[in-house]
Every structure is written in C-alpha cells, then in structure tokens.
Amino acid sequence: MARNVVCISYATGAGGSEVGRLVAEHLGFQYVDEELVSRAAIRGDVDAADIADEERRKSWIRRVLDELAAGGGEAWTMGLGPYTPVEGATSDELRASILDAIEETAEEGKAVIVAHAASHALASRQDVLRVLVTASPETRAARVAEAEGMDEAAAARAIKDADAGRSDYLKRFHDIGRELPTQYDLVLNTDRLSPEQAASLVQAAATSSAPAPRLHDPKGGA
C-alpha cells in the first residue's frame, strides 16, 4: 500500500538528509528532521512542568507542529533563537517529548521524518515506510572530510564515534542490541547511488500500492 509517512534513518556521511529533502519535494510531503523534532519537543516557551505532564506536553507539541506546518520548517526555526535547554526536565522526560513529537508528526501524515530512531519509534504503524540510508565507512569518511575540512584520519574517527553514539542511543532508548537490515523496509547504499537516484527509489516504494505485511520482529529479535 502507499505510505503516508516516510522515516529515514541514516549513517553519518551517507547523505540521509539530502535524500530526505528530495523525497519530501517529490512527494509534496512536509520535511521534518532530527533538529526540528527536537525543537518542537523541548525548545521555546515551555517549562519542566509542561514536559512532565503528558497532556500538557502533547498539547504544546501539537501547537508547535501546527505552527511548523503553517510556516514551513525553516521559517519556524528562525524565530526560535539559540538553543536553550529546559531546566529541571529529566532526560527521560525530554526523550518522551521527542517521541511524542515524532508520533504527532506521523499522525498528521504526509511527512518525511529524517531522524535516527523514528523508524523504530513508529515500527508498528502500517502507513510508514522505514528507510535506512547507509554507505561504506570509507565513503562516509571521505564525504565528512570534504564537508568539514578535516583530514582523512580525523574524519574516520568522527565516523567511528558517530556510529558508536548511534548504536548506544538505539540500545538505551529502543532496546536495539544490533541494528539489522530487516528492521527497515528499504536499505540504500549510497556508495554508488546519487541522492537523486536514492530519492527516486524511496519515492517508488512509498507510492507503491502493493501490500507489505510486517511479519518480523521490528527489533530484529529471534
């Protein structure tokens, strides 16, 4: 069936954000990335009491996401100013806010969510296409080196650290001991695929009317 939401997880340096923007443009969907989700969840005129109370938190997030949709992601974030963490909120409460923002975005539909764990947070939904964009460590390091002006050794260390951080996040917050291809509906290697080619494949998968039952454990367990 055609999918109403596309979640793109990605390895650092694989080009996931660029692919996501192209997919959103091709489908006419709203583009929401990790930073926008975090801002919707924990930034702005909200305090720790709002975050701790589930109903108040979700009401706040819904209002912010409505404003984001009306004004566009870039326009909305321009008015936020610098990042200011919510004082007094626990890490679990902040994580709950981010998950609420992802779920609310999915409920609204017609969205491309480019965030590391969105595919896992929404794994039970049948209207979501879960995509992983990856590439070899060598290719990713070369891209990071070029983009950030690093030498090859520093870029390789940055990739290794990013991968370790991603693995730790999935383990701590989603109980994913090992990330597997079977946790996604579509896995793309951008070693040779251009962003445009990758985006076209995602678009084709998202608009296909063929049924896609989920028979495996979304966490990849036995």
C-alpha atoms as a PDB file:
ATOM      1  CA  MET A   1       0.000   0.000   0.000  1.00  0.00           C
ATOM      2  CA  ALA A   2       1.056   3.608  -0.474  1.00  0.00           C
ATOM      3  CA  ARG A   3       2.719   5.075   2.608  1.00  0.00           C
ATOM      4  CA  ASN A   4       1.628   8.287   4.275  1.00  0.00           C
ATOM      5  CA  VAL A   5       4.858   8.751   6.255  1.00  0.00           C
ATOM      6  CA  VAL A   6       8.467   8.091   5.277  1.00  0.00           C
ATOM      7  CA  CYS A   7      11.037   7.639   8.070  1.00  0.00           C
ATOM      8  CA  ILE A   8      14.655   7.918   7.003  1.00  0.00           C
ATOM      9  CA  SER A   9      17.360   6.695   9.354  1.00  0.00           C
ATOM     10  CA  TYR A  10      20.912   7.243   8.215  1.00  0.00           C
ATOM     11  CA  ALA A  11      24.547   6.723   8.987  1.00  0.00           C
ATOM     12  CA  THR A  12      26.633   9.881   9.301  1.00  0.00           C
ATOM     13  CA  GLY A  13      28.078  10.797   5.925  1.00  0.00           C
ATOM     14  CA  ALA A  14      25.627   8.662   3.953  1.00  0.00           C
ATOM     15  CA  GLY A  15      23.574  11.627   2.695  1.00  0.00           C
ATOM     16  CA  GLY A  16      20.342  10.830   4.505  1.00  0.00           C
ATOM     17  CA  SER A  17      19.268  14.442   4.986  1.00  0.00           C
ATOM     18  CA  GLU A  18      19.736  15.281   1.307  1.00  0.00           C
ATOM     19  CA  VAL A  19      17.818  12.174   0.267  1.00  0.00           C
ATOM     20  CA  GLY A  20      15.041  13.061   2.708  1.00  0.00           C
ATOM     21  CA  ARG A  21      14.651  16.594   1.360  1.00  0.00           C
ATOM     22  CA  LEU A  22      14.438  15.289  -2.199  1.00  0.00           C
ATOM     23  CA  VAL A  23      11.831  12.682  -1.222  1.00  0.00           C
ATOM     24  CA  ALA A  24       9.732  15.336   0.536  1.00  0.00           C
ATOM     25  CA  GLU A  25       9.951  17.559  -2.522  1.00  0.00           C
ATOM     26  CA  HIS A  26       8.995  14.746  -4.911  1.00  0.00           C
ATOM     27  CA  LEU A  27       6.042  13.589  -2.792  1.00  0.00           C
ATOM     28  CA  GLY A  28       4.874  17.035  -1.727  1.00  0.00           C
ATOM     29  CA  PHE A  29       5.295  15.993   1.920  1.00  0.00           C
ATOM     30  CA  GLN A  30       6.400  18.063   4.890  1.00  0.00           C
ATOM     31  CA  TYR A  31      10.093  17.637   5.727  1.00  0.00           C
ATOM     32  CA  VAL A  32      10.897  17.171   9.416  1.00  0.00           C
ATOM     33  CA  ASP A  33      14.399  16.352  10.568  1.00  0.00           C
ATOM     34  CA  GLU A  34      16.045  15.498  13.883  1.00  0.00           C
ATOM     35  CA  GLU A  35      16.621  19.132  14.794  1.00  0.00           C
ATOM     36  CA  LEU A  36      13.067  20.215  14.023  1.00  0.00           C
ATOM     37  CA  VAL A  37      11.649  17.313  16.041  1.00  0.00           C
ATOM     38  CA  SER A  38      13.883  18.215  18.976  1.00  0.00           C
ATOM     39  CA  ARG A  39      12.928  21.861  18.782  1.00  0.00           C
ATOM     40  CA  ALA A  40       9.258  21.036  18.637  1.00  0.00           C
ATOM     41  CA  ALA A  41       9.686  18.824  21.671  1.00  0.00           C
ATOM     42  CA  ILE A  42      11.941  20.765  24.022  1.00  0.00           C
ATOM     43  CA  ARG A  43      12.506  24.353  22.900  1.00  0.00           C
ATOM     44  CA  GLY A  44      10.549  27.547  23.091  1.00  0.00           C
ATOM     45  CA  ASP A  45       8.167  28.855  25.755  1.00  0.00           C
ATOM     46  CA  VAL A  46       7.825  25.589  27.654  1.00  0.00           C
ATOM     47  CA  ASP A  47       8.970  24.692  31.156  1.00  0.00           C
ATOM     48  CA  ALA A  48       9.774  21.494  33.020  1.00  0.00           C
ATOM     49  CA  ALA A  49       6.244  21.223  34.432  1.00  0.00           C
ATOM     50  CA  ASP A  50       4.790  21.198  30.918  1.00  0.00           C
ATOM     51  CA  ILE A  51       7.174  18.444  29.850  1.00  0.00           C
ATOM     52  CA  ALA A  52       6.486  16.326  32.934  1.00  0.00           C
ATOM     53  CA  ASP A  53       2.686  16.416  32.412  1.00  0.00           C
ATOM     54  CA  GLU A  54       1.739  14.188  29.462  1.00  0.00           C
ATOM     55  CA  GLU A  55      -1.405  16.077  28.416  1.00  0.00           C
ATOM     56  CA  ARG A  56       0.241  19.494  28.628  1.00  0.00           C
ATOM     57  CA  ARG A  57       3.303  18.196  26.813  1.00  0.00           C
ATOM     58  CA  LYS A  58       1.286  16.764  23.930  1.00  0.00           C
ATOM     59  CA  SER A  59      -0.853  19.906  23.702  1.00  0.00           C
ATOM     60  CA  TRP A  60       2.288  22.022  23.468  1.00  0.00           C
ATOM     61  CA  ILE A  61       3.857  19.782  20.830  1.00  0.00           C
ATOM     62  CA  ARG A  62       0.679  19.748  18.734  1.00  0.00           C
ATOM     63  CA  ARG A  63       0.575  23.558  18.704  1.00  0.00           C
ATOM     64  CA  VAL A  64       4.224  23.869  17.761  1.00  0.00           C
ATOM     65  CA  LEU A  65       3.916  21.304  14.955  1.00  0.00           C
ATOM     66  CA  ASP A  66       0.859  23.120  13.603  1.00  0.00           C
ATOM     67  CA  GLU A  67       2.899  26.327  13.504  1.00  0.00           C
ATOM     68  CA  LEU A  68       5.741  24.482  11.813  1.00  0.00           C
ATOM     69  CA  ALA A  69       3.395  23.127   9.126  1.00  0.00           C
ATOM     70  CA  ALA A  70       1.834  26.550   8.541  1.00  0.00           C
ATOM     71  CA  GLY A  71       5.105  28.459   8.288  1.00  0.00           C
ATOM     72  CA  GLY A  72       7.493  25.829   6.972  1.00  0.00           C
ATOM     73  CA  GLY A  73      10.336  24.277   8.915  1.00  0.00           C
ATOM     74  CA  GLU A  74      12.999  26.831   8.036  1.00  0.00           C
ATOM     75  CA  ALA A  75      10.753  29.824   8.724  1.00  0.00           C
ATOM     76  CA  TRP A  76       9.593  28.378  12.019  1.00  0.00           C
ATOM     77  CA  THR A  77      13.066  27.646  13.390  1.00  0.00           C
ATOM     78  CA  MET A  78      14.333  31.135  12.524  1.00  0.00           C
ATOM     79  CA  GLY A  79      12.136  32.543  15.268  1.00  0.00           C
ATOM     80  CA  LEU A  80      13.415  30.252  17.995  1.00  0.00           C
ATOM     81  CA  GLY A  81      16.760  31.860  18.681  1.00  0.00           C
ATOM     82  CA  PRO A  82      19.642  29.889  20.204  1.00  0.00           C
ATOM     83  CA  TYR A  83      19.149  26.547  21.863  1.00  0.00           C
ATOM     84  CA  THR A  84      18.129  26.798  25.497  1.00  0.00           C
ATOM     85  CA  PRO A  85      17.687  23.500  27.377  1.00  0.00           C
ATOM     86  CA  VAL A  86      14.630  23.117  29.544  1.00  0.00           C
ATOM     87  CA  GLU A  87      15.819  23.490  33.121  1.00  0.00           C
ATOM     88  CA  GLY A  88      14.516  20.910  35.586  1.00  0.00           C
ATOM     89  CA  ALA A  89      13.403  18.369  32.964  1.00  0.00           C
ATOM     90  CA  THR A  90      14.857  14.871  33.202  1.00  0.00           C
ATOM     91  CA  SER A  91      16.433  13.064  30.249  1.00  0.00           C
ATOM     92  CA  ASP A  92      13.539  10.584  30.224  1.00  0.00           C
ATOM     93  CA  GLU A  93      11.017  13.440  30.054  1.00  0.00           C
ATOM     94  CA  LEU A  94      12.911  15.083  27.200  1.00  0.00           C
ATOM     95  CA  ARG A  95      13.071  11.758  25.356  1.00  0.00           C
ATOM     96  CA  ALA A  96       9.323  11.304  25.874  1.00  0.00           C
ATOM     97  CA  SER A  97       8.774  14.744  24.363  1.00  0.00           C
ATOM     98  CA  ILE A  98      10.802  13.865  21.281  1.00  0.00           C
ATOM     99  CA  LEU A  99       8.915  10.585  20.838  1.00  0.00           C
ATOM    100  CA  ASP A 100       5.615  12.460  21.224  1.00  0.00           C
ATOM    101  CA  ALA A 101       6.721  14.896  18.519  1.00  0.00           C
ATOM    102  CA  ILE A 102       7.584  12.039  16.160  1.00  0.00           C
ATOM    103  CA  GLU A 103       4.250  10.305  16.825  1.00  0.00           C
ATOM    104  CA  GLU A 104       2.259  13.520  16.409  1.00  0.00           C
ATOM    105  CA  THR A 105       4.025  14.222  13.119  1.00  0.00           C
ATOM    106  CA  ALA A 106       3.142  10.715  11.905  1.00  0.00           C
ATOM    107  CA  GLU A 107      -0.496  11.183  12.967  1.00  0.00           C
ATOM    108  CA  GLU A 108      -0.700  14.307  10.841  1.00  0.00           C
ATOM    109  CA  GLY A 109       0.618  12.327   7.869  1.00  0.00           C
ATOM    110  CA  LYS A 110       2.255  13.360   4.611  1.00  0.00           C
ATOM    111  CA  ALA A 111       5.639  13.784   6.234  1.00  0.00           C
ATOM    112  CA  VAL A 112       9.224  12.712   5.667  1.00  0.00           C
ATOM    113  CA  ILE A 113      10.877  12.311   9.070  1.00  0.00           C
ATOM    114  CA  VAL A 114      14.665  12.225   8.910  1.00  0.00           C
ATOM    115  CA  ALA A 115      15.691  11.112  12.401  1.00  0.00           C
ATOM    116  CA  HIS A 116      17.877   8.266  13.618  1.00  0.00           C
ATOM    117  CA  ALA A 117      15.254   6.426  15.661  1.00  0.00           C
ATOM    118  CA  ALA A 118      11.972   7.436  14.015  1.00  0.00           C
ATOM    119  CA  SER A 119      11.761   4.140  12.141  1.00  0.00           C
ATOM    120  CA  HIS A 120      11.901   2.259  15.435  1.00  0.00           C
ATOM    121  CA  ALA A 121       9.519   4.583  17.261  1.00  0.00           C
ATOM    122  CA  LEU A 122       6.911   4.081  14.513  1.00  0.00           C
ATOM    123  CA  ALA A 123       7.685   0.446  13.648  1.00  0.00           C
ATOM    124  CA  SER A 124       4.157  -0.776  14.448  1.00  0.00           C
ATOM    125  CA  ARG A 125       2.439   1.604  12.014  1.00  0.00           C
ATOM    126  CA  GLN A 126       1.463   0.135   8.653  1.00  0.00           C
ATOM    127  CA  ASP A 127       1.388   3.512   6.875  1.00  0.00           C
ATOM    128  CA  VAL A 128       5.100   4.163   7.492  1.00  0.00           C
ATOM    129  CA  LEU A 129       7.918   3.339   5.076  1.00  0.00           C
ATOM    130  CA  ARG A 130      11.079   2.716   7.083  1.00  0.00           C
ATOM    131  CA  VAL A 131      14.264   3.524   5.171  1.00  0.00           C
ATOM    132  CA  LEU A 132      17.932   3.201   6.081  1.00  0.00           C
ATOM    133  CA  VAL A 133      20.454   5.232   4.077  1.00  0.00           C
ATOM    134  CA  THR A 134      23.998   3.997   4.552  1.00  0.00           C
ATOM    135  CA  ALA A 135      27.373   3.708   2.831  1.00  0.00           C
ATOM    136  CA  SER A 136      30.785   2.219   3.483  1.00  0.00           C
ATOM    137  CA  PRO A 137      32.880   3.819   6.257  1.00  0.00           C
ATOM    138  CA  GLU A 138      35.457   4.871   3.670  1.00  0.00           C
ATOM    139  CA  THR A 139      32.916   6.692   1.516  1.00  0.00           C
ATOM    140  CA  ARG A 140      31.300   8.342   4.511  1.00  0.00           C
ATOM    141  CA  ALA A 141      34.627   9.469   5.938  1.00  0.00           C
ATOM    142  CA  ALA A 142      35.643  10.978   2.591  1.00  0.00           C
ATOM    143  CA  ARG A 143      32.387  12.953   2.456  1.00  0.00           C
ATOM    144  CA  VAL A 144      32.754  14.191   6.024  1.00  0.00           C
ATOM    145  CA  ALA A 145      36.366  15.177   5.368  1.00  0.00           C
ATOM    146  CA  GLU A 146      35.334  17.217   2.351  1.00  0.00           C
ATOM    147  CA  ALA A 147      32.317  18.815   4.011  1.00  0.00           C
ATOM    148  CA  GLU A 148      34.041  19.665   7.296  1.00  0.00           C
ATOM    149  CA  GLY A 149      37.535  20.377   6.027  1.00  0.00           C
ATOM    150  CA  MET A 150      39.037  17.515   8.050  1.00  0.00           C
ATOM    151  CA  ASP A 151      41.946  15.276   7.221  1.00  0.00           C
ATOM    152  CA  GLU A 152      41.125  11.651   6.441  1.00  0.00           C
ATOM    153  CA  ALA A 153      42.209  10.304   9.821  1.00  0.00           C
ATOM    154  CA  ALA A 154      40.071  12.805  11.749  1.00  0.00           C
ATOM    155  CA  ALA A 155      37.078  12.117   9.519  1.00  0.00           C
ATOM    156  CA  ALA A 156      37.459   8.365  10.038  1.00  0.00           C
ATOM    157  CA  ARG A 157      37.483   8.894  13.825  1.00  0.00           C
ATOM    158  CA  ALA A 158      34.421  11.129  13.562  1.00  0.00           C
ATOM    159  CA  ILE A 159      32.554   8.414  11.654  1.00  0.00           C
ATOM    160  CA  LYS A 160      33.561   5.781  14.207  1.00  0.00           C
ATOM    161  CA  ASP A 161      32.399   7.988  17.093  1.00  0.00           C
ATOM    162  CA  ALA A 162      29.107   8.790  15.352  1.00  0.00           C
ATOM    163  CA  ASP A 163      28.416   5.110  14.720  1.00  0.00           C
ATOM    164  CA  ALA A 164      29.154   4.258  18.357  1.00  0.00           C
ATOM    165  CA  GLY A 165      26.853   7.030  19.556  1.00  0.00           C
ATOM    166  CA  ARG A 166      24.071   5.882  17.251  1.00  0.00           C
ATOM    167  CA  SER A 167      24.432   2.277  18.452  1.00  0.00           C
ATOM    168  CA  ASP A 168      24.351   3.384  22.090  1.00  0.00           C
ATOM    169  CA  TYR A 169      21.240   5.510  21.506  1.00  0.00           C
ATOM    170  CA  LEU A 170      19.345   2.653  19.852  1.00  0.00           C
ATOM    171  CA  LYS A 171      20.315   0.304  22.657  1.00  0.00           C
ATOM    172  CA  ARG A 172      19.428   2.617  25.546  1.00  0.00           C
ATOM    173  CA  PHE A 173      16.195   4.068  24.219  1.00  0.00           C
ATOM    174  CA  HIS A 174      14.800   1.378  21.903  1.00  0.00           C
ATOM    175  CA  ASP A 175      16.406  -1.814  23.209  1.00  0.00           C
ATOM    176  CA  ILE A 176      18.001  -2.427  19.806  1.00  0.00           C
ATOM    177  CA  GLY A 177      21.057  -4.517  20.598  1.00  0.00           C
ATOM    178  CA  ARG A 178      22.095  -4.786  16.974  1.00  0.00           C
ATOM    179  CA  GLU A 179      20.826  -2.779  14.020  1.00  0.00           C
ATOM    180  CA  LEU A 180      19.760  -5.099  11.189  1.00  0.00           C
ATOM    181  CA  PRO A 181      18.597  -4.565   7.591  1.00  0.00           C
ATOM    182  CA  THR A 182      15.391  -6.454   8.454  1.00  0.00           C
ATOM    183  CA  GLN A 183      14.387  -3.623  10.789  1.00  0.00           C
ATOM    184  CA  TYR A 184      13.766  -1.498   7.681  1.00  0.00           C
ATOM    185  CA  ASP A 185      11.589  -1.806   4.599  1.00  0.00           C
ATOM    186  CA  LEU A 186      14.227  -0.357   2.267  1.00  0.00           C
ATOM    187  CA  VAL A 187      18.012  -0.149   2.689  1.00  0.00           C
ATOM    188  CA  LEU A 188      20.007   2.057   0.317  1.00  0.00           C
ATOM    189  CA  ASN A 189      23.785   2.088  -0.131  1.00  0.00           C
ATOM    190  CA  THR A 190      24.884   5.493  -1.434  1.00  0.00           C
ATOM    191  CA  ASP A 191      28.416   4.406  -2.299  1.00  0.00           C
ATOM    192  CA  ARG A 192      27.265   4.414  -5.920  1.00  0.00           C
ATOM    193  CA  LEU A 193      23.736   5.749  -5.784  1.00  0.00           C
ATOM    194  CA  SER A 194      23.399   9.521  -6.144  1.00  0.00           C
ATOM    195  CA  PRO A 195      20.999  11.339  -3.786  1.00  0.00           C
ATOM    196  CA  GLU A 196      18.596  11.747  -6.710  1.00  0.00           C
ATOM    197  CA  GLN A 197      18.700   8.029  -7.519  1.00  0.00           C
ATOM    198  CA  ALA A 198      18.203   7.085  -3.871  1.00  0.00           C
ATOM    199  CA  ALA A 199      15.290   9.515  -3.530  1.00  0.00           C
ATOM    200  CA  SER A 200      13.629   8.075  -6.635  1.00  0.00           C
ATOM    201  CA  LEU A 201      13.794   4.579  -5.161  1.00  0.00           C
ATOM    202  CA  VAL A 202      12.254   5.797  -1.894  1.00  0.00           C
ATOM    203  CA  GLN A 203       9.515   7.613  -3.786  1.00  0.00           C
ATOM    204  CA  ALA A 204       8.712   4.481  -5.803  1.00  0.00           C
ATOM    205  CA  ALA A 205       8.493   2.384  -2.646  1.00  0.00           C
ATOM    206  CA  ALA A 206       6.361   4.975  -0.848  1.00  0.00           C
ATOM    207  CA  THR A 207       3.834   5.240  -3.656  1.00  0.00           C
ATOM    208  CA  SER A 208       3.579   1.528  -4.478  1.00  0.00           C
ATOM    209  CA  SER A 209       0.129   0.037  -3.955  1.00  0.00           C
ATOM    210  CA  ALA A 210       1.484  -3.483  -3.318  1.00  0.00           C
ATOM    211  CA  PRO A 211       0.713  -4.842   0.161  1.00  0.00           C
ATOM    212  CA  ALA A 212       3.649  -5.025   2.568  1.00  0.00           C
ATOM    213  CA  PRO A 213       2.761  -7.078   5.652  1.00  0.00           C
ATOM    214  CA  ARG A 214       5.175  -6.954   8.573  1.00  0.00           C
ATOM    215  CA  LEU A 215       5.863 -10.467   9.771  1.00  0.00           C
ATOM    216  CA  HIS A 216       9.176  -9.968  11.567  1.00  0.00           C
ATOM    217  CA  ASP A 217      10.046  -8.638  14.976  1.00  0.00           C
ATOM    218  CA  PRO A 218      10.674  -4.891  14.468  1.00  0.00           C
ATOM    219  CA  LYS A 219      13.593  -5.118  16.893  1.00  0.00           C
ATOM    220  CA  GLY A 220      15.145  -7.966  14.980  1.00  0.00           C
ATOM    221  CA  GLY A 221      14.920 -10.444  17.830  1.00  0.00           C
ATOM    222  CA  ALA A 222      14.690 -14.161  17.424  1.00  0.00           C
END
